[in-house]
Protein backbone atom coordinates (compact mmCIF):
# COMPACT_ATOMS: atom_id res chain seq x y z
CA MET A 1 37.37 -2.48 13.81
CA GLU A 2 39.54 -4.09 14.62
CA LEU A 3 39.10 -6.79 17.53
CA PRO A 4 41.60 -7.19 20.91
CA THR A 5 43.88 -9.93 21.48
CA ALA A 6 43.11 -12.37 24.59
CA LYS A 7 45.97 -12.01 27.10
CA PHE A 8 44.10 -15.19 28.16
CA GLY A 9 43.51 -18.83 27.05
CA ILE A 10 40.59 -21.43 27.27
CA GLY A 11 42.62 -24.00 29.57
CA GLN A 12 44.20 -21.50 31.73
CA ILE A 13 43.34 -20.76 36.06
CA VAL A 14 43.33 -17.20 36.21
CA LYS A 15 41.84 -15.25 39.61
CA HIS A 16 40.16 -11.86 39.68
CA ARG A 17 42.92 -8.82 40.40
CA LEU A 18 40.09 -6.85 43.45
CA PHE A 19 38.24 -10.22 44.62
CA ASP A 20 38.49 -13.21 46.10
CA PHE A 21 38.23 -16.18 43.65
CA ARG A 22 39.72 -17.73 40.92
CA GLY A 23 38.69 -20.12 37.24
CA VAL A 24 39.05 -21.69 34.43
CA ILE A 25 38.32 -19.94 31.49
CA PHE A 26 35.89 -22.02 29.35
CA ASP A 27 34.78 -19.08 26.60
CA VAL A 28 36.18 -16.09 25.70
CA ASP A 29 34.17 -12.74 23.74
CA PRO A 30 36.53 -10.73 22.04
CA THR A 31 34.52 -7.48 23.23
CA PHE A 32 31.38 -7.26 26.35
CA ASN A 33 28.31 -9.48 25.54
CA ASN A 34 26.29 -9.72 27.79
CA THR A 35 23.62 -7.29 28.90
CA GLU A 36 23.38 -3.70 29.26
CA GLU A 37 21.12 -4.93 32.94
CA TRP A 38 24.26 -6.68 33.88
CA TYR A 39 26.38 -4.27 33.31
CA ASN A 40 24.86 -1.35 34.30
CA ALA A 41 24.79 -3.41 37.85
CA ILE A 42 28.50 -3.00 38.01
CA PRO A 43 28.87 -0.26 39.92
CA ALA A 44 30.09 3.28 37.82
CA GLU A 45 33.78 3.73 39.07
CA ALA A 46 34.59 0.26 39.00
CA ARG A 47 32.83 -0.44 35.39
CA PRO A 48 34.69 -1.73 33.23
CA ARG A 49 35.58 -0.98 29.36
CA LYS A 50 33.24 -2.87 26.69
CA ASP A 51 36.35 -2.71 24.18
CA GLN A 52 38.05 -5.24 25.95
CA PRO A 53 38.02 -9.15 26.10
CA PHE A 54 35.19 -10.80 28.52
CA TYR A 55 36.44 -13.90 29.42
CA HIS A 56 33.75 -17.04 31.19
CA LEU A 57 35.51 -18.87 33.99
CA LEU A 58 33.76 -21.29 36.25
CA ALA A 59 34.93 -19.55 39.55
CA GLU A 60 35.53 -20.74 42.94
CA ASN A 61 35.77 -18.92 46.47
CA ASP A 62 36.34 -20.53 49.62
CA GLU A 63 32.52 -20.72 50.65
CA THR A 64 31.32 -21.64 46.20
CA GLU A 65 31.33 -22.29 42.95
CA TYR A 66 29.42 -20.93 40.60
CA VAL A 67 30.08 -19.06 36.42
CA ALA A 68 31.63 -15.68 36.14
CA TYR A 69 31.70 -13.21 33.14
CA VAL A 70 35.27 -10.97 33.86
CA SER A 71 36.82 -8.53 32.22
CA GLU A 72 40.43 -8.65 31.64
CA GLN A 73 41.80 -6.19 33.28
CA ASN A 74 40.46 -7.92 36.36
CA LEU A 75 42.24 -10.85 35.58
CA GLN A 76 45.64 -11.99 36.32
CA PRO A 77 47.47 -15.48 36.13
CA ASP A 78 46.70 -17.81 39.07
CA GLU A 79 50.06 -19.60 40.03
CA SER A 80 49.47 -21.95 42.60
CA GLN A 81 49.46 -24.73 39.97
CA THR A 82 46.25 -26.25 41.74
CA PRO A 83 42.86 -27.97 39.81
CA VAL A 84 39.69 -25.68 40.13
CA ARG A 85 37.02 -27.58 41.72
CA HIS A 86 34.27 -26.67 40.16
CA PRO A 87 31.97 -29.20 39.68
CA GLN A 88 31.61 -28.47 35.93
CA VAL A 89 35.28 -28.82 34.97
CA ARG A 90 34.53 -31.90 33.14
CA ASP A 91 32.18 -30.75 31.03
CA TYR A 92 34.30 -28.56 29.63
CA PHE A 93 37.86 -29.90 30.27
CA ALA A 94 39.13 -33.79 29.74
CA GLY A 95 42.08 -32.93 32.38
CA PHE A 96 44.34 -31.27 33.96
CA ASP A 97 48.14 -30.98 33.28
CA LYS A 98 49.73 -30.47 36.35
CA SER A 99 53.19 -29.46 34.75
CA ARG A 100 51.29 -26.37 32.26
CA GLY A 101 49.34 -25.70 34.79
CA LEU A 102 46.27 -25.69 31.87
CA TYR A 103 43.50 -27.86 31.64
CA ARG A 104 42.80 -29.38 27.78
CA LEU A 105 39.97 -28.74 26.58
CA ARG A 106 37.72 -32.03 25.69
CA GLU A 107 37.73 -32.84 22.25
CA ASP A 108 33.70 -32.58 21.71
CA ARG A 109 34.21 -28.07 22.90
CA ALA A 110 36.73 -27.11 20.21
CA ASN A 111 35.50 -25.35 17.80
């Protein structure tokens, strides 16, 4: 089986298509890799396909910061060029490249 190619990359800032949050990608699964319980908690009419990339985000909205797991179909690029305020950003990234709007992965985090 050929794995889908991820549209977004680690360090890229994205936003959710339906909900008001954004975040920086810190990991990518080529296909769904979470629990069935998590998947089944999503309303059936909104449940994404499992055969697409899923992204781990250091996410934020107006109220809080958290970690999110989001399907590729529900993400789009965030064009704001604004860094993410999530407190764990420094655990994964060495800095923010303003000219490209991307975070640089820390060398000790690279595979």
